[in-house]
Each structure stands twice: as structure tokens, then as C-alpha cells.
Amino acid sequence: MSEADPDELATLLVRARGGEPAAEQALFVRVYDELRGMARGYLRGRPGHTLQPTALVHEAFLRMVRRPDGFADRNHFIAVAATAMRQILVDHARRRAADKRGAGRTVVTLDDHAGAAPHAHSDAGAGDVVDLLALDQVLSRLAALSQRQARIVELRCFGGLTIDEVAEVLGVSGSLAEKEWRRARAWVRRELEGAAAAGDLP
């Protein structure tokens, strides 16, 4: 998906919502690679994850098509996609947690690797591994304090974006994105540690 085609996407989106199968198919083709890259960013290195990239892409696409408004540009599209993937992954984790046969909790890391570095990274510290459902709850609280910091964590942990990609999406410098990421990560860690000590984790 190029950065110069928001009007085309908007047109396809309207037509797809109007029930045109050809428009929905064309829209899917236009955004597939972008969504696939984001899905792989989250699921990379997690061969045992029960949600596959293709399924995540299709579900994210369906949720985005149902949105009442369109996308201003590529960066807006990526931000919306990251939110959709967060919702899908959290829903998936909740279903697994509710299933007594589920094989453990779904975790992500808050390390400095690209995107939502999977817990399989050998150099990720134990303090970087966090429960996905707990992270979702903490992010909702962080958003009330700093929308940008919450968005950065969401783009990193659910969108699989690097710091440079986050900076591009948010329209800020790489150094600012890095600084905000570190602040947000430290805050999230403190909140998670406090919740764990109080027994408030999901």
C-alpha cells in the first residue's frame, strides 16, 4: 500500500461497505501486505501460537471495513490496524484463558527489539515478559494520562512496528518516539508490578 492513495482507499472502502464484492476484494489486495507485515511482527517466533498471521489479517481487515469512517492516509491506516489487532489478540487471549484446556497465558515482551518481540527472544529480560491481558488493562489506564505514549506501546506491542516506524506513523522524530517509548515502558512495568503485588492481574 503506497502513501499516496488515501482517496483510492476511501473510495474502495465506501464501495465495499455498499456491498460490492469486487470493491472489497480490491481493498483487501491493496492492504494485505501491510496487514500481513504487522501480523507477522507480532507472531514472529511464536510457532505454537494458535492464531496464525492469515487469520489475524482477515479478522483485522473485516473489523476495519466495518469502521464508520475511512482512513486519512497510510499512517492513519496503520494506527487503526494496530488497534484492530490489539482487540483481536486480546479477545483471543481471553478465550484461551477461559478455556481450561488452554496451554498457558499469552505473553508479549516490552524489550527494545522490533515490535512485539516474542517471549522466545533469548536476550529479553524476565522483567520484559508481560501478560497480554494485563498489558491491555494497563494500556487503557495509560491512555487516560498520555494518548501518545499508549499509542506507542500499542504500535510496538500489537502492531509489530519498530521505533522508526512508530515515529513515522505518529509524525514525530525518532528520538522523541524513543524517549516516549522508554517512559511508557517504565510506567507500564511499574503498573504491572503493582498489580501483581496486589493480586489484581487478570
N, C-alpha and C. Protein backbone atom coordinates (compact mmCIF):
# COMPACT_ATOMS: atom_id res chain seq x y z
N MET A 1 0.83 -1.18 0.00
CA MET A 1 0.00 0.00 0.00
C MET A 1 0.88 1.25 0.00
N SER A 2 0.72 2.12 -0.94
CA SER A 2 1.54 3.31 -1.05
C SER A 2 0.98 4.42 -0.16
N GLU A 3 1.82 5.47 0.06
CA GLU A 3 1.38 6.57 0.90
C GLU A 3 0.52 7.57 0.13
N ALA A 4 0.41 7.39 -1.19
CA ALA A 4 -0.24 8.42 -2.00
C ALA A 4 -1.66 8.05 -2.44
N ASP A 5 -2.24 7.04 -1.83
CA ASP A 5 -3.53 6.60 -2.34
C ASP A 5 -4.66 6.60 -1.31
N PRO A 6 -4.72 7.54 -0.37
CA PRO A 6 -5.81 7.54 0.60
C PRO A 6 -7.17 7.71 -0.06
N ASP A 7 -7.24 8.49 -1.15
CA ASP A 7 -8.51 8.69 -1.83
C ASP A 7 -9.02 7.39 -2.45
N GLU A 8 -8.10 6.64 -3.03
CA GLU A 8 -8.49 5.35 -3.62
C GLU A 8 -9.00 4.41 -2.54
N LEU A 9 -8.31 4.38 -1.40
CA LEU A 9 -8.73 3.51 -0.30
C LEU A 9 -10.10 3.94 0.21
N ALA A 10 -10.30 5.24 0.34
CA ALA A 10 -11.58 5.74 0.83
C ALA A 10 -12.71 5.34 -0.12
N THR A 11 -12.45 5.45 -1.42
CA THR A 11 -13.46 5.09 -2.41
C THR A 11 -13.78 3.60 -2.34
N LEU A 12 -12.73 2.79 -2.26
CA LEU A 12 -12.93 1.34 -2.19
C LEU A 12 -13.68 0.96 -0.91
N LEU A 13 -13.35 1.66 0.18
CA LEU A 13 -13.99 1.37 1.46
C LEU A 13 -15.49 1.64 1.39
N VAL A 14 -15.86 2.78 0.81
CA VAL A 14 -17.27 3.12 0.67
C VAL A 14 -17.99 2.09 -0.19
N ARG A 15 -17.37 1.72 -1.29
CA ARG A 15 -18.00 0.75 -2.19
C ARG A 15 -18.11 -0.62 -1.53
N ALA A 16 -17.08 -1.00 -0.76
CA ALA A 16 -17.11 -2.29 -0.08
C ALA A 16 -18.23 -2.32 0.95
N ARG A 17 -18.41 -1.20 1.68
CA ARG A 17 -19.49 -1.14 2.66
C ARG A 17 -20.85 -1.15 1.98
N GLY A 18 -20.86 -0.74 0.72
CA GLY A 18 -22.11 -0.73 -0.04
C GLY A 18 -22.48 -2.10 -0.58
N GLY A 19 -21.64 -3.09 -0.28
CA GLY A 19 -21.96 -4.46 -0.68
C GLY A 19 -21.37 -4.90 -2.01
N GLU A 20 -20.35 -4.19 -2.50
CA GLU A 20 -19.72 -4.58 -3.75
C GLU A 20 -18.57 -5.57 -3.47
N PRO A 21 -18.76 -6.85 -3.78
CA PRO A 21 -17.71 -7.84 -3.53
C PRO A 21 -16.40 -7.49 -4.23
N ALA A 22 -16.48 -6.96 -5.45
CA ALA A 22 -15.26 -6.62 -6.20
C ALA A 22 -14.48 -5.52 -5.49
N ALA A 23 -15.19 -4.56 -4.91
CA ALA A 23 -14.52 -3.47 -4.21
C ALA A 23 -13.86 -3.99 -2.93
N GLU A 24 -14.54 -4.88 -2.23
CA GLU A 24 -13.96 -5.45 -1.01
C GLU A 24 -12.71 -6.25 -1.34
N GLN A 25 -12.76 -7.01 -2.43
CA GLN A 25 -11.61 -7.79 -2.85
C GLN A 25 -10.44 -6.87 -3.23
N ALA A 26 -10.74 -5.81 -3.96
CA ALA A 26 -9.70 -4.87 -4.38
C ALA A 26 -9.08 -4.19 -3.16
N LEU A 27 -9.92 -3.83 -2.20
CA LEU A 27 -9.42 -3.19 -0.98
C LEU A 27 -8.51 -4.15 -0.22
N PHE A 28 -8.91 -5.40 -0.13
CA PHE A 28 -8.12 -6.40 0.58
C PHE A 28 -6.75 -6.56 -0.07
N VAL A 29 -6.72 -6.61 -1.39
CA VAL A 29 -5.46 -6.74 -2.12
C VAL A 29 -4.55 -5.55 -1.83
N ARG A 30 -5.13 -4.35 -1.76
CA ARG A 30 -4.35 -3.13 -1.54
C ARG A 30 -3.71 -3.09 -0.15
N VAL A 31 -4.39 -3.66 0.84
CA VAL A 31 -3.88 -3.54 2.22
C VAL A 31 -3.30 -4.83 2.77
N TYR A 32 -3.36 -5.91 2.00
CA TYR A 32 -2.95 -7.22 2.52
C TYR A 32 -1.50 -7.23 3.00
N ASP A 33 -0.58 -6.75 2.17
CA ASP A 33 0.83 -6.80 2.52
C ASP A 33 1.13 -6.04 3.80
N GLU A 34 0.48 -4.89 3.95
CA GLU A 34 0.68 -4.07 5.15
C GLU A 34 0.19 -4.82 6.39
N LEU A 35 -1.01 -5.38 6.32
CA LEU A 35 -1.56 -6.11 7.44
C LEU A 35 -0.75 -7.38 7.74
N ARG A 36 -0.33 -8.05 6.69
CA ARG A 36 0.45 -9.27 6.87
C ARG A 36 1.76 -8.97 7.60
N GLY A 37 2.41 -7.88 7.22
CA GLY A 37 3.65 -7.50 7.87
C GLY A 37 3.45 -7.21 9.34
N MET A 38 2.35 -6.54 9.67
CA MET A 38 2.06 -6.23 11.07
C MET A 38 1.76 -7.50 11.86
N ALA A 39 0.99 -8.39 11.25
CA ALA A 39 0.65 -9.64 11.92
C ALA A 39 1.89 -10.49 12.17
N ARG A 40 2.77 -10.54 11.19
CA ARG A 40 3.99 -11.31 11.36
C ARG A 40 4.89 -10.68 12.40
N GLY A 41 4.83 -9.34 12.51
CA GLY A 41 5.62 -8.66 13.53
C GLY A 41 5.25 -9.11 14.93
N TYR A 42 3.95 -9.33 15.14
CA TYR A 42 3.51 -9.79 16.46
C TYR A 42 3.76 -11.28 16.65
N LEU A 43 3.48 -12.08 15.63
CA LEU A 43 3.52 -13.53 15.77
C LEU A 43 4.88 -14.13 15.45
N ARG A 44 5.86 -13.31 15.06
CA ARG A 44 7.18 -13.80 14.70
C ARG A 44 7.79 -14.61 15.83
N GLY A 45 8.29 -15.78 15.51
CA GLY A 45 8.97 -16.61 16.50
C GLY A 45 8.04 -17.32 17.46
N ARG A 46 6.73 -17.33 17.15
CA ARG A 46 5.77 -17.99 18.03
C ARG A 46 5.08 -19.12 17.28
N PRO A 47 5.83 -20.19 16.89
CA PRO A 47 5.24 -21.27 16.10
C PRO A 47 4.09 -21.98 16.80
N GLY A 48 4.04 -21.90 18.13
CA GLY A 48 2.98 -22.59 18.85
C GLY A 48 1.73 -21.75 19.05
N HIS A 49 1.77 -20.50 18.59
CA HIS A 49 0.61 -19.62 18.78
C HIS A 49 -0.56 -20.16 17.96
N THR A 50 -1.72 -20.23 18.58
CA THR A 50 -2.87 -20.84 17.90
C THR A 50 -3.54 -19.90 16.90
N LEU A 51 -3.17 -18.61 16.94
CA LEU A 51 -3.72 -17.67 15.97
C LEU A 51 -2.65 -17.41 14.92
N GLN A 52 -2.93 -17.77 13.68
CA GLN A 52 -1.97 -17.64 12.61
C GLN A 52 -2.07 -16.27 11.94
N PRO A 53 -0.96 -15.80 11.30
CA PRO A 53 -0.97 -14.49 10.65
C PRO A 53 -2.13 -14.29 9.68
N THR A 54 -2.42 -15.30 8.88
CA THR A 54 -3.50 -15.16 7.89
C THR A 54 -4.84 -14.91 8.57
N ALA A 55 -5.11 -15.64 9.64
CA ALA A 55 -6.36 -15.45 10.36
C ALA A 55 -6.42 -14.06 10.99
N LEU A 56 -5.28 -13.61 11.53
CA LEU A 56 -5.23 -12.28 12.15
C LEU A 56 -5.46 -11.20 11.09
N VAL A 57 -4.86 -11.38 9.93
CA VAL A 57 -5.03 -10.41 8.83
C VAL A 57 -6.49 -10.33 8.41
N HIS A 58 -7.13 -11.48 8.20
CA HIS A 58 -8.51 -11.49 7.74
C HIS A 58 -9.45 -10.86 8.76
N GLU A 59 -9.25 -11.19 10.03
CA GLU A 59 -10.12 -10.63 11.07
C GLU A 59 -9.91 -9.13 11.20
N ALA A 60 -8.65 -8.69 11.14
CA ALA A 60 -8.37 -7.26 11.22
C ALA A 60 -9.01 -6.53 10.04
N PHE A 61 -8.91 -7.11 8.87
CA PHE A 61 -9.50 -6.48 7.68
C PHE A 61 -11.00 -6.33 7.84
N LEU A 62 -11.67 -7.36 8.31
CA LEU A 62 -13.12 -7.31 8.48
C LEU A 62 -13.52 -6.23 9.48
N ARG A 63 -12.77 -6.12 10.55
CA ARG A 63 -13.09 -5.10 11.55
C ARG A 63 -12.88 -3.70 10.98
N MET A 64 -11.86 -3.54 10.17
CA MET A 64 -11.56 -2.23 9.62
C MET A 64 -12.58 -1.82 8.56
N VAL A 65 -13.06 -2.78 7.80
CA VAL A 65 -14.07 -2.49 6.78
C VAL A 65 -15.37 -2.03 7.44
N ARG A 66 -15.62 -2.53 8.65
CA ARG A 66 -16.87 -2.17 9.34
C ARG A 66 -16.79 -0.81 10.04
N ARG A 67 -15.62 -0.19 10.02
CA ARG A 67 -15.49 1.13 10.66
C ARG A 67 -16.42 2.13 9.98
N PRO A 68 -16.98 3.07 10.76
CA PRO A 68 -17.90 4.06 10.17
C PRO A 68 -17.20 5.12 9.34
N ASP A 69 -15.89 5.30 9.56
CA ASP A 69 -15.18 6.31 8.78
C ASP A 69 -14.01 5.67 8.04
N GLY A 70 -13.33 6.45 7.22
CA GLY A 70 -12.25 5.92 6.40
C GLY A 70 -10.88 6.18 7.00
N PHE A 71 -9.87 6.25 6.13
CA PHE A 71 -8.50 6.45 6.56
C PHE A 71 -7.94 7.70 5.88
N ALA A 72 -7.37 8.59 6.68
CA ALA A 72 -6.85 9.83 6.13
C ALA A 72 -5.61 9.60 5.27
N ASP A 73 -4.78 8.65 5.69
CA ASP A 73 -3.56 8.36 4.96
C ASP A 73 -3.01 7.02 5.45
N ARG A 74 -1.83 6.66 4.95
CA ARG A 74 -1.25 5.37 5.31
C ARG A 74 -0.99 5.28 6.81
N ASN A 75 -0.49 6.35 7.41
CA ASN A 75 -0.20 6.32 8.84
C ASN A 75 -1.46 6.12 9.67
N HIS A 76 -2.55 6.76 9.26
CA HIS A 76 -3.83 6.56 9.95
C HIS A 76 -4.27 5.10 9.80
N PHE A 77 -4.10 4.55 8.63
CA PHE A 77 -4.46 3.16 8.37
C PHE A 77 -3.69 2.23 9.32
N ILE A 78 -2.37 2.44 9.44
CA ILE A 78 -1.54 1.59 10.28
C ILE A 78 -1.96 1.70 11.75
N ALA A 79 -2.25 2.92 12.19
CA ALA A 79 -2.68 3.12 13.58
C ALA A 79 -3.99 2.39 13.85
N VAL A 80 -4.93 2.48 12.92
CA VAL A 80 -6.21 1.79 13.08
C VAL A 80 -6.00 0.28 13.05
N ALA A 81 -5.12 -0.18 12.18
CA ALA A 81 -4.86 -1.62 12.08
C ALA A 81 -4.26 -2.15 13.37
N ALA A 82 -3.35 -1.39 13.98
CA ALA A 82 -2.74 -1.82 15.24
C ALA A 82 -3.79 -1.95 16.33
N THR A 83 -4.73 -1.01 16.38
CA THR A 83 -5.81 -1.08 17.36
C THR A 83 -6.69 -2.30 17.11
N ALA A 84 -7.00 -2.56 15.85
CA ALA A 84 -7.81 -3.73 15.50
C ALA A 84 -7.11 -5.02 15.91
N MET A 85 -5.81 -5.09 15.66
CA MET A 85 -5.06 -6.30 16.02
C MET A 85 -4.98 -6.45 17.53
N ARG A 86 -4.85 -5.35 18.24
CA ARG A 86 -4.85 -5.41 19.71
C ARG A 86 -6.16 -6.03 20.19
N GLN A 87 -7.27 -5.55 19.67
CA GLN A 87 -8.58 -6.06 20.08
C GLN A 87 -8.72 -7.55 19.78
N ILE A 88 -8.27 -7.95 18.60
CA ILE A 88 -8.37 -9.35 18.20
C ILE A 88 -7.50 -10.23 19.09
N LEU A 89 -6.25 -9.80 19.32
CA LEU A 89 -5.33 -10.60 20.13
C LEU A 89 -5.79 -10.70 21.57
N VAL A 90 -6.34 -9.61 22.10
CA VAL A 90 -6.85 -9.64 23.47
C VAL A 90 -8.06 -10.55 23.56
N ASP A 91 -8.97 -10.45 22.59
CA ASP A 91 -10.14 -11.34 22.57
C ASP A 91 -9.70 -12.80 22.50
N HIS A 92 -8.70 -13.06 21.67
CA HIS A 92 -8.19 -14.42 21.51
C HIS A 92 -7.59 -14.91 22.83
N ALA A 93 -6.81 -14.04 23.49
CA ALA A 93 -6.19 -14.41 24.77
C ALA A 93 -7.25 -14.67 25.84
N ARG A 94 -8.32 -13.88 25.83
CA ARG A 94 -9.39 -14.08 26.81
C ARG A 94 -10.07 -15.43 26.60
N ARG A 95 -10.29 -15.77 25.34
CA ARG A 95 -10.92 -17.07 25.07
C ARG A 95 -10.02 -18.21 25.53
N ARG A 96 -8.74 -18.06 25.31
CA ARG A 96 -7.81 -19.11 25.74
C ARG A 96 -7.77 -19.21 27.26
N ALA A 97 -7.78 -18.06 27.93
CA ALA A 97 -7.75 -18.05 29.39
C ALA A 97 -9.01 -18.69 29.97
N ALA A 98 -10.12 -18.51 29.27
CA ALA A 98 -11.39 -19.07 29.75
C ALA A 98 -11.49 -20.56 29.48
N ASP A 99 -10.67 -21.04 28.56
CA ASP A 99 -10.69 -22.46 28.19
C ASP A 99 -9.74 -23.22 29.10
N LYS A 100 -10.27 -24.06 29.94
CA LYS A 100 -9.44 -24.80 30.89
C LYS A 100 -8.40 -25.68 30.20
N ARG A 101 -8.65 -25.96 28.93
CA ARG A 101 -7.68 -26.77 28.20
C ARG A 101 -6.60 -25.90 27.57
N GLY A 102 -6.70 -24.58 27.73
CA GLY A 102 -5.73 -23.67 27.13
C GLY A 102 -4.33 -23.91 27.66
N ALA A 103 -3.34 -23.77 26.78
CA ALA A 103 -1.96 -24.05 27.16
C ALA A 103 -1.27 -22.76 27.65
N GLY A 104 -1.66 -22.28 28.82
CA GLY A 104 -0.99 -21.14 29.40
C GLY A 104 -1.50 -19.80 28.91
N ARG A 105 -0.86 -18.78 29.42
CA ARG A 105 -1.27 -17.41 29.12
C ARG A 105 -0.52 -16.89 27.90
N THR A 106 -1.10 -15.92 27.23
CA THR A 106 -0.46 -15.30 26.09
C THR A 106 0.39 -14.14 26.60
N VAL A 107 1.67 -14.13 26.21
CA VAL A 107 2.56 -13.09 26.69
C VAL A 107 3.23 -12.36 25.54
N VAL A 108 3.66 -11.13 25.83
CA VAL A 108 4.45 -10.32 24.90
C VAL A 108 5.62 -9.77 25.71
N THR A 109 6.56 -9.11 25.04
CA THR A 109 7.67 -8.51 25.76
C THR A 109 7.71 -7.02 25.52
N LEU A 110 8.31 -6.33 26.47
CA LEU A 110 8.48 -4.89 26.38
C LEU A 110 9.96 -4.56 26.17
N ASP A 111 10.65 -5.39 25.39
CA ASP A 111 12.08 -5.16 25.18
C ASP A 111 12.31 -4.18 24.04
N ASP A 112 13.57 -4.00 23.65
CA ASP A 112 13.92 -3.00 22.64
C ASP A 112 14.00 -3.56 21.23
N HIS A 113 13.57 -4.80 21.03
CA HIS A 113 13.58 -5.37 19.69
C HIS A 113 12.41 -4.83 18.89
N ALA A 114 12.44 -5.04 17.60
CA ALA A 114 11.38 -4.53 16.73
C ALA A 114 10.04 -5.09 17.12
N GLY A 115 9.11 -4.19 17.32
CA GLY A 115 7.72 -4.57 17.54
C GLY A 115 7.51 -5.39 18.77
N ALA A 116 6.50 -6.24 18.73
CA ALA A 116 6.14 -7.06 19.87
C ALA A 116 7.03 -8.27 19.90
N ALA A 117 8.27 -8.07 20.31
CA ALA A 117 9.23 -9.17 20.30
C ALA A 117 8.69 -10.33 21.11
N PRO A 118 8.60 -11.52 20.54
CA PRO A 118 8.03 -12.66 21.24
C PRO A 118 8.89 -13.10 22.41
N HIS A 119 8.26 -13.75 23.36
CA HIS A 119 8.97 -14.14 24.57
C HIS A 119 10.08 -15.13 24.29
N ALA A 120 10.15 -15.66 23.06
CA ALA A 120 11.20 -16.62 22.72
C ALA A 120 12.56 -15.95 22.57
N HIS A 121 12.63 -14.61 22.52
CA HIS A 121 13.91 -13.93 22.39
C HIS A 121 14.79 -14.29 23.58
N SER A 122 15.96 -14.80 23.29
CA SER A 122 16.83 -15.25 24.38
C SER A 122 17.39 -14.10 25.19
N ASP A 123 17.46 -12.88 24.60
CA ASP A 123 18.06 -11.77 25.32
C ASP A 123 17.03 -10.84 25.94
N ALA A 124 15.78 -11.24 25.93
CA ALA A 124 14.76 -10.43 26.59
C ALA A 124 14.78 -10.76 28.07
N GLY A 125 14.89 -9.75 28.92
CA GLY A 125 14.92 -9.99 30.34
C GLY A 125 13.59 -10.50 30.85
N ALA A 126 13.64 -11.21 31.97
CA ALA A 126 12.41 -11.78 32.53
C ALA A 126 11.41 -10.68 32.85
N GLY A 127 11.93 -9.49 33.22
CA GLY A 127 11.05 -8.39 33.55
C GLY A 127 10.34 -7.81 32.34
N ASP A 128 10.81 -8.19 31.14
CA ASP A 128 10.20 -7.68 29.92
C ASP A 128 8.99 -8.51 29.49
N VAL A 129 8.86 -9.72 30.00
CA VAL A 129 7.76 -10.59 29.60
C VAL A 129 6.52 -10.23 30.39
N VAL A 130 5.45 -9.88 29.69
CA VAL A 130 4.23 -9.47 30.37
C VAL A 130 3.03 -10.20 29.77
N ASP A 131 2.02 -10.35 30.59
CA ASP A 131 0.79 -10.99 30.14
C ASP A 131 0.02 -10.03 29.24
N LEU A 132 -0.46 -10.53 28.12
CA LEU A 132 -1.14 -9.69 27.14
C LEU A 132 -2.40 -9.04 27.72
N LEU A 133 -3.17 -9.79 28.47
CA LEU A 133 -4.40 -9.25 29.04
C LEU A 133 -4.11 -8.16 30.08
N ALA A 134 -3.07 -8.39 30.88
CA ALA A 134 -2.68 -7.39 31.86
C ALA A 134 -2.18 -6.13 31.16
N LEU A 135 -1.41 -6.31 30.10
CA LEU A 135 -0.91 -5.17 29.34
C LEU A 135 -2.06 -4.36 28.75
N ASP A 136 -3.07 -5.03 28.26
CA ASP A 136 -4.23 -4.34 27.69
C ASP A 136 -4.90 -3.45 28.73
N GLN A 137 -5.06 -3.98 29.94
CA GLN A 137 -5.69 -3.20 31.01
C GLN A 137 -4.85 -1.97 31.37
N VAL A 138 -3.54 -2.18 31.49
CA VAL A 138 -2.65 -1.08 31.84
C VAL A 138 -2.62 -0.02 30.74
N LEU A 139 -2.66 -0.45 29.49
CA LEU A 139 -2.66 0.50 28.38
C LEU A 139 -3.90 1.40 28.40
N SER A 140 -5.01 0.85 28.81
CA SER A 140 -6.23 1.66 28.91
C SER A 140 -6.06 2.76 29.94
N ARG A 141 -5.36 2.46 31.04
CA ARG A 141 -5.09 3.49 32.05
C ARG A 141 -4.06 4.50 31.55
N LEU A 142 -3.06 4.02 30.84
CA LEU A 142 -2.03 4.91 30.31
C LEU A 142 -2.64 5.90 29.31
N ALA A 143 -3.60 5.43 28.52
CA ALA A 143 -4.22 6.30 27.52
C ALA A 143 -4.90 7.51 28.15
N ALA A 144 -5.37 7.35 29.40
CA ALA A 144 -6.02 8.46 30.09
C ALA A 144 -4.99 9.52 30.51
N LEU A 145 -3.72 9.11 30.61
CA LEU A 145 -2.66 10.01 31.00
C LEU A 145 -1.91 10.57 29.80
N SER A 146 -1.66 9.70 28.83
CA SER A 146 -0.91 10.11 27.64
C SER A 146 -1.35 9.25 26.46
N GLN A 147 -2.16 9.83 25.60
CA GLN A 147 -2.61 9.09 24.42
C GLN A 147 -1.43 8.68 23.55
N ARG A 148 -0.45 9.56 23.42
CA ARG A 148 0.68 9.24 22.55
C ARG A 148 1.51 8.09 23.09
N GLN A 149 1.77 8.10 24.38
CA GLN A 149 2.56 7.00 24.95
C GLN A 149 1.81 5.68 24.83
N ALA A 150 0.52 5.71 25.07
CA ALA A 150 -0.28 4.49 24.94
C ALA A 150 -0.27 4.00 23.50
N ARG A 151 -0.36 4.94 22.55
CA ARG A 151 -0.33 4.58 21.14
C ARG A 151 1.01 3.98 20.75
N ILE A 152 2.09 4.50 21.31
CA ILE A 152 3.42 3.97 21.01
C ILE A 152 3.53 2.52 21.47
N VAL A 153 3.08 2.25 22.68
CA VAL A 153 3.13 0.87 23.18
C VAL A 153 2.25 -0.03 22.33
N GLU A 154 1.08 0.47 21.95
CA GLU A 154 0.17 -0.32 21.12
C GLU A 154 0.80 -0.63 19.77
N LEU A 155 1.40 0.37 19.14
CA LEU A 155 2.02 0.16 17.84
C LEU A 155 3.20 -0.80 17.94
N ARG A 156 3.94 -0.73 19.04
CA ARG A 156 5.08 -1.64 19.22
C ARG A 156 4.62 -3.06 19.54
N CYS A 157 3.72 -3.17 20.52
CA CYS A 157 3.37 -4.49 21.04
C CYS A 157 2.27 -5.20 20.28
N PHE A 158 1.43 -4.47 19.59
CA PHE A 158 0.33 -5.10 18.85
C PHE A 158 0.44 -4.88 17.35
N GLY A 159 1.17 -3.87 16.94
CA GLY A 159 1.35 -3.62 15.51
C GLY A 159 2.67 -4.13 14.97
N GLY A 160 3.58 -4.52 15.88
CA GLY A 160 4.86 -5.05 15.44
C GLY A 160 5.77 -4.03 14.79
N LEU A 161 5.62 -2.75 15.11
CA LEU A 161 6.39 -1.70 14.46
C LEU A 161 7.70 -1.41 15.20
N THR A 162 8.71 -1.01 14.44
CA THR A 162 9.96 -0.55 15.03
C THR A 162 9.77 0.88 15.51
N ILE A 163 10.75 1.38 16.26
CA ILE A 163 10.68 2.77 16.73
C ILE A 163 10.62 3.73 15.55
N ASP A 164 11.42 3.50 14.54
CA ASP A 164 11.41 4.37 13.36
C ASP A 164 10.04 4.37 12.69
N GLU A 165 9.41 3.21 12.60
CA GLU A 165 8.08 3.12 12.00
C GLU A 165 7.04 3.82 12.87
N VAL A 166 7.19 3.68 14.18
CA VAL A 166 6.28 4.36 15.11
C VAL A 166 6.39 5.87 14.92
N ALA A 167 7.63 6.36 14.83
CA ALA A 167 7.85 7.79 14.65
C ALA A 167 7.19 8.28 13.37
N GLU A 168 7.29 7.49 12.31
CA GLU A 168 6.68 7.88 11.03
C GLU A 168 5.16 7.93 11.15
N VAL A 169 4.58 6.93 11.77
CA VAL A 169 3.13 6.87 11.92
C VAL A 169 2.61 8.06 12.74
N LEU A 170 3.32 8.40 13.81
CA LEU A 170 2.87 9.47 14.70
C LEU A 170 3.33 10.86 14.24
N GLY A 171 4.20 10.89 13.24
CA GLY A 171 4.66 12.18 12.75
C GLY A 171 5.57 12.90 13.72
N VAL A 172 6.39 12.14 14.45
CA VAL A 172 7.33 12.74 15.40
C VAL A 172 8.74 12.26 15.06
N SER A 173 9.74 12.85 15.69
CA SER A 173 11.11 12.43 15.45
C SER A 173 11.38 11.07 16.07
N GLY A 174 12.39 10.39 15.55
CA GLY A 174 12.76 9.10 16.11
C GLY A 174 13.22 9.22 17.55
N SER A 175 13.93 10.30 17.86
CA SER A 175 14.42 10.48 19.23
C SER A 175 13.27 10.69 20.20
N LEU A 176 12.25 11.44 19.78
CA LEU A 176 11.09 11.64 20.65
C LEU A 176 10.32 10.34 20.84
N ALA A 177 10.14 9.60 19.76
CA ALA A 177 9.44 8.32 19.86
C ALA A 177 10.18 7.38 20.80
N GLU A 178 11.51 7.37 20.70
CA GLU A 178 12.32 6.52 21.57
C GLU A 178 12.18 6.94 23.03
N LYS A 179 12.24 8.25 23.29
CA LYS A 179 12.12 8.76 24.66
C LYS A 179 10.74 8.42 25.25
N GLU A 180 9.69 8.64 24.45
CA GLU A 180 8.34 8.34 24.92
C GLU A 180 8.14 6.85 25.13
N TRP A 181 8.74 6.04 24.27
CA TRP A 181 8.65 4.58 24.42
C TRP A 181 9.27 4.14 25.74
N ARG A 182 10.45 4.68 26.05
CA ARG A 182 11.12 4.29 27.29
C ARG A 182 10.33 4.75 28.52
N ARG A 183 9.76 5.95 28.46
CA ARG A 183 8.94 6.42 29.57
C ARG A 183 7.70 5.55 29.74
N ALA A 184 7.05 5.28 28.63
CA ALA A 184 5.83 4.47 28.67
C ALA A 184 6.13 3.07 29.18
N ARG A 185 7.22 2.50 28.68
CA ARG A 185 7.58 1.15 29.10
C ARG A 185 7.85 1.08 30.59
N ALA A 186 8.56 2.09 31.12
CA ALA A 186 8.85 2.11 32.55
C ALA A 186 7.56 2.24 33.36
N TRP A 187 6.64 3.07 32.89
CA TRP A 187 5.37 3.25 33.59
C TRP A 187 4.56 1.96 33.57
N VAL A 188 4.52 1.32 32.40
CA VAL A 188 3.77 0.07 32.27
C VAL A 188 4.34 -1.00 33.20
N ARG A 189 5.66 -1.09 33.25
CA ARG A 189 6.29 -2.08 34.15
C ARG A 189 5.90 -1.84 35.59
N ARG A 190 5.96 -0.57 36.02
CA ARG A 190 5.60 -0.26 37.42
C ARG A 190 4.15 -0.63 37.71
N GLU A 191 3.27 -0.30 36.77
CA GLU A 191 1.86 -0.62 36.96
C GLU A 191 1.63 -2.12 37.04
N LEU A 192 2.31 -2.86 36.17
CA LEU A 192 2.15 -4.32 36.16
C LEU A 192 2.70 -4.94 37.44
N GLU A 193 3.84 -4.41 37.90
CA GLU A 193 4.41 -4.92 39.14
C GLU A 193 3.50 -4.64 40.32
N GLY A 194 2.91 -3.44 40.33
CA GLY A 194 1.99 -3.09 41.40
C GLY A 194 0.73 -3.97 41.38
N ALA A 195 0.23 -4.22 40.18
CA ALA A 195 -0.96 -5.06 40.05
C ALA A 195 -0.66 -6.48 40.49
N ALA A 196 0.53 -6.96 40.13
CA ALA A 196 0.92 -8.33 40.50
C ALA A 196 1.05 -8.45 42.02
N ALA A 197 1.64 -7.44 42.64
CA ALA A 197 1.80 -7.47 44.09
C ALA A 197 0.46 -7.43 44.81
N ALA A 198 -0.49 -6.73 44.20
CA ALA A 198 -1.82 -6.61 44.82
C ALA A 198 -2.75 -7.75 44.41
N GLY A 199 -2.26 -8.61 43.52
CA GLY A 199 -3.08 -9.72 43.06
C GLY A 199 -4.19 -9.30 42.14
N ASP A 200 -3.98 -8.18 41.42
CA ASP A 200 -5.04 -7.64 40.56
C ASP A 200 -4.89 -8.00 39.08
N LEU A 201 -3.94 -8.84 38.74
CA LEU A 201 -3.77 -9.21 37.33
C LEU A 201 -4.92 -10.11 36.90
N PRO A 202 -5.29 -10.03 35.61
CA PRO A 202 -6.41 -10.85 35.11
C PRO A 202 -6.04 -12.32 35.10
